[in-house]
Protein backbone atom coordinates (compact mmCIF):
# COMPACT_ATOMS: atom_id res chain seq x y z
CA MET A 1 5.84 -19.39 5.45
CA ARG A 2 8.62 -17.91 3.29
CA GLN A 3 11.01 -20.49 1.84
CA LEU A 4 14.44 -19.27 0.74
CA VAL A 5 16.86 -21.08 -1.55
CA VAL A 6 20.49 -20.24 -2.23
CA LEU A 7 20.77 -18.74 -5.71
CA ASP A 8 22.80 -21.14 -7.85
CA LYS A 9 24.18 -20.30 -11.30
CA LYS A 10 23.86 -23.87 -12.59
CA LYS A 11 20.60 -24.84 -10.92
CA HIS A 12 18.72 -21.62 -11.69
CA ARG A 13 20.21 -20.82 -15.10
CA ASN A 14 16.86 -21.24 -16.90
CA TYR A 15 14.71 -19.78 -14.13
CA ARG A 16 12.85 -16.50 -14.22
CA LEU A 17 11.72 -14.28 -11.37
CA LEU A 18 7.97 -13.72 -11.22
CA LYS A 19 6.49 -10.28 -10.68
CA HIS A 20 6.16 -9.20 -7.05
CA ASP A 21 5.26 -6.21 -4.92
CA LEU A 22 5.38 -5.02 -1.32
CA SER A 23 2.41 -7.15 -0.29
CA HIS A 24 4.90 -9.80 0.85
CA SER A 25 5.43 -7.63 3.94
CA LYS A 26 1.81 -7.69 5.12
CA ASN A 27 2.53 -10.22 7.88
CA LEU A 28 5.76 -8.65 9.14
CA HIS A 29 5.38 -6.83 12.43
CA ILE A 30 9.15 -6.22 12.64
CA CYS A 31 11.88 -6.04 10.01
CA PRO A 32 15.67 -5.58 10.16
CA ILE A 33 17.01 -2.13 9.36
CA LEU A 34 20.47 -0.77 8.64
CA LEU A 35 22.22 1.92 10.61
CA SER A 36 22.00 4.21 7.58
CA GLU A 37 18.19 3.96 7.82
CA PHE A 38 17.84 5.09 11.44
CA ILE A 39 17.05 8.73 10.66
CA SER A 40 14.42 7.89 8.02
CA VAL A 41 12.80 5.11 10.05
CA SER A 42 12.73 7.19 13.24
CA ARG A 43 10.15 9.53 11.68
CA THR A 44 7.52 6.78 11.39
CA SER A 45 8.42 3.67 13.41
CA PRO A 46 9.94 2.73 16.76
CA ILE A 47 13.43 1.28 16.36
CA ILE A 48 14.12 -1.69 18.61
CA PHE A 49 16.86 -4.30 19.01
CA THR A 50 16.05 -8.01 18.95
CA LYS A 51 18.13 -11.19 18.90
CA SER A 52 18.47 -12.72 15.44
CA LYS A 53 17.56 -16.41 15.24
CA GLU A 54 19.98 -16.75 12.34
CA THR A 55 23.13 -15.17 13.77
CA GLY A 56 22.37 -14.97 17.50
CA LYS A 57 23.42 -11.31 17.44
CA LEU A 58 21.31 -8.37 18.49
CA GLU A 59 20.11 -6.52 15.41
CA SER A 60 18.28 -3.26 14.86
CA CYS A 61 14.70 -3.51 13.63
CA ALA A 62 11.75 -1.33 12.74
CA LEU A 63 8.55 -2.09 14.63
CA LEU A 64 5.81 -2.24 11.97
CA GLY A 65 2.92 -3.57 14.04
CA VAL A 66 1.81 -4.23 17.58
CA THR A 67 0.87 -7.89 17.21
CA PRO A 68 2.70 -10.72 15.40
CA GLY A 69 1.56 -11.26 11.81
CA GLU A 70 0.33 -7.68 11.35
CA ASN A 71 2.17 -4.99 9.42
CA LEU A 72 0.21 -1.80 10.05
CA PHE A 73 2.09 0.00 7.29
CA TRP A 74 0.58 -2.26 4.62
CA GLN A 75 -3.09 -1.32 4.35
CA GLU A 76 -5.52 -0.90 1.45
CA GLY A 77 -3.01 -2.39 -0.97
CA ARG A 78 -0.28 0.16 -0.42
CA TRP A 79 2.44 1.24 1.99
CA GLN A 80 1.22 3.71 4.61
CA GLY A 81 4.28 5.86 5.12
CA ASP A 82 6.99 7.86 3.41
CA TYR A 83 9.83 5.38 3.94
CA ILE A 84 10.11 1.67 3.10
CA PRO A 85 12.97 -0.24 4.77
CA VAL A 86 15.66 -1.70 2.53
CA SER A 87 15.02 -5.25 3.78
CA ILE A 88 11.48 -4.99 2.39
CA ARG A 89 12.44 -3.24 -0.85
CA SER A 90 15.17 -5.78 -1.66
CA HIS A 91 12.65 -8.66 -1.67
CA PRO A 92 12.75 -11.36 -3.03
CA PHE A 93 16.54 -11.34 -2.57
CA TYR A 94 18.05 -11.88 0.88
CA LEU A 95 21.48 -12.20 2.44
CA ARG A 96 22.13 -15.12 4.75
CA TYR A 97 25.06 -15.72 7.09
CA LYS A 98 26.69 -18.55 9.00
CA LYS A 99 26.98 -17.98 12.74
CA ASP A 100 30.73 -18.63 12.64
CA ASP A 101 31.41 -16.38 9.62
CA LEU A 102 29.55 -13.09 9.52
CA SER A 103 32.09 -11.49 7.20
CA ASN A 104 30.70 -13.36 4.19
CA ALA A 105 27.15 -13.66 2.94
CA TYR A 106 25.37 -15.78 0.35
CA VAL A 107 22.47 -14.67 -1.81
CA CYS A 108 19.08 -16.32 -1.37
CA VAL A 109 15.82 -15.84 -3.20
CA GLU A 110 12.22 -16.68 -2.28
CA SER A 111 11.49 -20.00 -3.96
CA SER A 112 7.80 -19.30 -4.61
CA LEU A 113 8.78 -16.54 -7.04
CA LEU A 114 11.05 -18.73 -9.15
CA CYS A 115 9.69 -20.11 -12.42
CA ALA A 116 11.49 -22.62 -14.65
CA SER A 117 10.58 -21.05 -17.97
CA LYS A 118 12.12 -19.37 -21.02
CA ASP A 119 8.89 -17.50 -21.71
CA SER A 120 9.67 -13.77 -21.50
CA SER A 121 6.12 -13.10 -20.29
CA GLN A 122 6.93 -15.07 -17.14
CA GLY A 123 8.75 -12.38 -15.18
CA VAL A 124 12.42 -11.47 -15.68
CA ALA A 125 15.41 -13.67 -16.45
CA LEU A 126 18.00 -14.28 -13.73
CA PHE A 127 20.72 -15.38 -16.14
CA GLU A 128 21.57 -14.78 -19.79
CA HIS A 129 21.87 -17.59 -22.34
CA ASN A 130 25.63 -17.76 -21.72
CA GLY A 131 25.06 -18.29 -18.00
CA GLU A 132 26.12 -14.80 -16.95
CA PRO A 133 23.87 -12.80 -14.56
CA SER A 134 21.13 -10.78 -16.26
CA LYS A 135 20.99 -6.99 -15.93
CA HIS A 136 18.24 -7.42 -13.32
CA LEU A 137 20.33 -9.83 -11.25
CA LEU A 138 23.47 -7.69 -11.58
CA ALA A 139 21.58 -4.68 -10.23
CA ALA A 140 20.27 -6.80 -7.33
CA GLN A 141 23.78 -8.11 -6.60
CA ARG A 142 25.21 -4.60 -6.47
CA GLU A 143 22.49 -3.57 -4.04
CA LEU A 144 23.08 -6.65 -1.89
CA GLU A 145 26.84 -5.97 -1.78
CA ASN A 146 26.03 -2.49 -0.48
CA ILE A 147 23.59 -3.93 2.06
CA HIS A 148 26.25 -6.39 3.26
CA LEU A 149 28.74 -3.60 3.93
CA LYS A 150 26.09 -1.61 5.78
CA LYS A 151 25.14 -4.68 7.82
CA LEU A 152 28.73 -4.95 9.01
CA GLN A 153 28.59 -1.27 9.98
CA THR A 154 25.29 -1.82 11.82
CA TRP A 155 26.61 -4.81 13.77
CA LYS A 156 29.66 -2.77 14.77
CA PHE A 157 27.35 -0.04 16.11
CA VAL A 158 25.32 -2.55 18.15
CA GLU A 159 28.55 -4.05 19.52
CA SER A 160 29.58 -0.54 20.63
CA LEU A 161 26.26 -0.13 22.45
CA GLN A 162 26.89 -3.42 24.24
CA LYS A 163 30.48 -2.47 25.04
CA PHE A 164 29.29 0.72 26.74
CA ASP A 165 26.40 -1.18 28.39
CA LEU A 166 23.75 1.13 26.91
CA LEU A 167 21.18 -1.50 25.93
CA LYS A 168 18.45 -2.56 28.31
CA GLU A 169 15.76 -5.21 27.90
CA GLN A 170 12.34 -3.67 28.41
CA GLU A 171 8.66 -3.65 27.53
CA ILE A 172 7.05 -1.31 25.02
CA ASN A 173 3.49 -0.43 25.96
CA ILE A 174 1.02 0.74 23.31
CA ASP A 175 -2.51 1.93 24.08
CA LEU A 176 -5.00 0.56 21.54
CA PRO A 177 -8.63 1.36 20.67
CA GLY A 178 -11.23 -0.15 22.95
CA GLU A 179 -9.26 0.77 26.06
CA THR A 180 -6.85 -2.14 25.57
CA LYS A 181 -3.09 -2.14 25.98
CA HIS A 182 -0.45 -4.18 24.19
CA LYS A 183 2.88 -5.05 25.77
CA LEU A 184 5.80 -5.96 23.56
CA LYS A 185 8.32 -7.98 25.55
CA GLY A 186 11.80 -9.33 24.87
CA VAL A 187 13.07 -6.26 23.07
CA TYR A 188 16.09 -4.12 23.81
CA CYS A 189 16.30 -0.35 23.74
CA ILE A 190 19.01 2.16 24.52
CA SER A 191 18.67 3.41 28.07
CA GLU A 192 18.35 7.18 28.03
CA ASP A 193 19.36 7.21 31.69
CA LYS A 194 22.58 5.33 30.94
CA VAL A 195 23.40 7.71 28.09
CA ARG A 196 22.86 10.67 30.41
CA LYS A 197 25.20 9.16 33.02
CA LEU A 198 28.06 8.48 30.59
CA GLY A 199 31.38 9.91 31.68
CA ALA A 200 33.02 12.58 29.54
CA THR A 201 35.62 10.13 28.18
CA GLU A 202 33.01 7.54 27.16
CA PHE A 203 30.73 10.18 25.65
CA LEU A 204 33.56 11.60 23.54
CA LYS A 205 34.52 8.12 22.37
CA LEU A 206 30.96 7.50 21.17
CA ARG A 207 30.97 10.90 19.49
CA ASP A 208 34.23 10.22 17.70
CA MET A 209 32.92 6.81 16.59
CA GLY A 210 29.94 8.57 15.00
CA CYS A 211 27.41 6.79 17.22
CA LEU A 212 25.60 9.76 18.77
CA PRO A 213 23.26 10.69 15.87
CA PHE A 214 22.02 7.10 15.69
CA ILE A 215 21.58 6.83 19.46
CA TYR A 216 19.43 9.95 19.46
CA ALA A 217 17.51 8.78 16.38
CA HIS A 218 16.65 5.56 18.22
CA LEU A 219 15.52 7.41 21.35
CA PHE A 220 13.39 9.77 19.24
CA SER A 221 11.88 6.83 17.33
CA LEU A 222 10.36 5.39 20.50
CA LEU A 223 7.89 8.29 20.43
CA GLN A 224 6.49 6.84 17.19
CA SER A 225 4.44 4.29 19.09
CA SER A 226 1.74 6.95 18.71
CA ASN A 227 1.98 6.50 14.94
CA LEU A 228 1.46 2.75 15.33
CA ARG A 229 -1.53 3.49 17.52
CA ALA A 230 -3.02 5.72 14.81
CA LEU A 231 -2.42 3.11 12.10
CA HIS A 232 -3.94 0.41 14.31
CA LYS A 233 -6.99 2.59 14.88
CA LYS A 234 -7.34 3.16 11.14
CA ASN A 235 -7.16 -0.56 10.45
CA TYR A 236 -9.45 -1.34 13.40
CA SER A 237 -12.09 1.06 12.06
CA LYS A 238 -11.81 -0.46 8.57
CA VAL A 239 -12.44 -3.97 9.94
CA LEU A 240 -15.49 -2.78 11.92
CA HIS A 241 -17.04 -1.26 8.82
């Protein structure tokens, strides 16, 4: 299980970050996504909304597999798709929040990839000799600052969906090889019926708030369960042989 530690300038001054790749995502069947990613994700994965254990808020996620512990997009040692979500690419750095203060975030890093060493062959330095962030860490911090701002934007979008009562808890059914079916429960999706029944005033408000493209991207993404089915079949065939 992934263990995260808060990045500390004093504690981790002499630590280095070991090399890593996307294989860390192999057991993720869902991952958080930002509003700015909806269009890209919608071409390959269903977008769903689930309740965050950390914040208690509903958050937007990409569905990467049909069963827990299985990322169908990570097969044969590489990513099977043309888009990799930011939350996976930003590994091993993560933003964490307190439930009572979502306006501020603190930077965490996966502890298993930290190495207390000055040997330059042991990954990359997190801090310079004078204690200032290394170029690698500065680049990561800039990216995380951008992610934080986009998270705030994403939460605002989800709050708008709740305000207009457009989210509905439902099951996602996926037909799998061997004439089996998988039901994903406890997820929320935008109700196409509720969107269709919006009054003119409400519809125009959502339009002016810039919500409509992302609502339609989500609804379109639900068709990508067929892509998950194809990836599952590919993986299923590989296991059989």
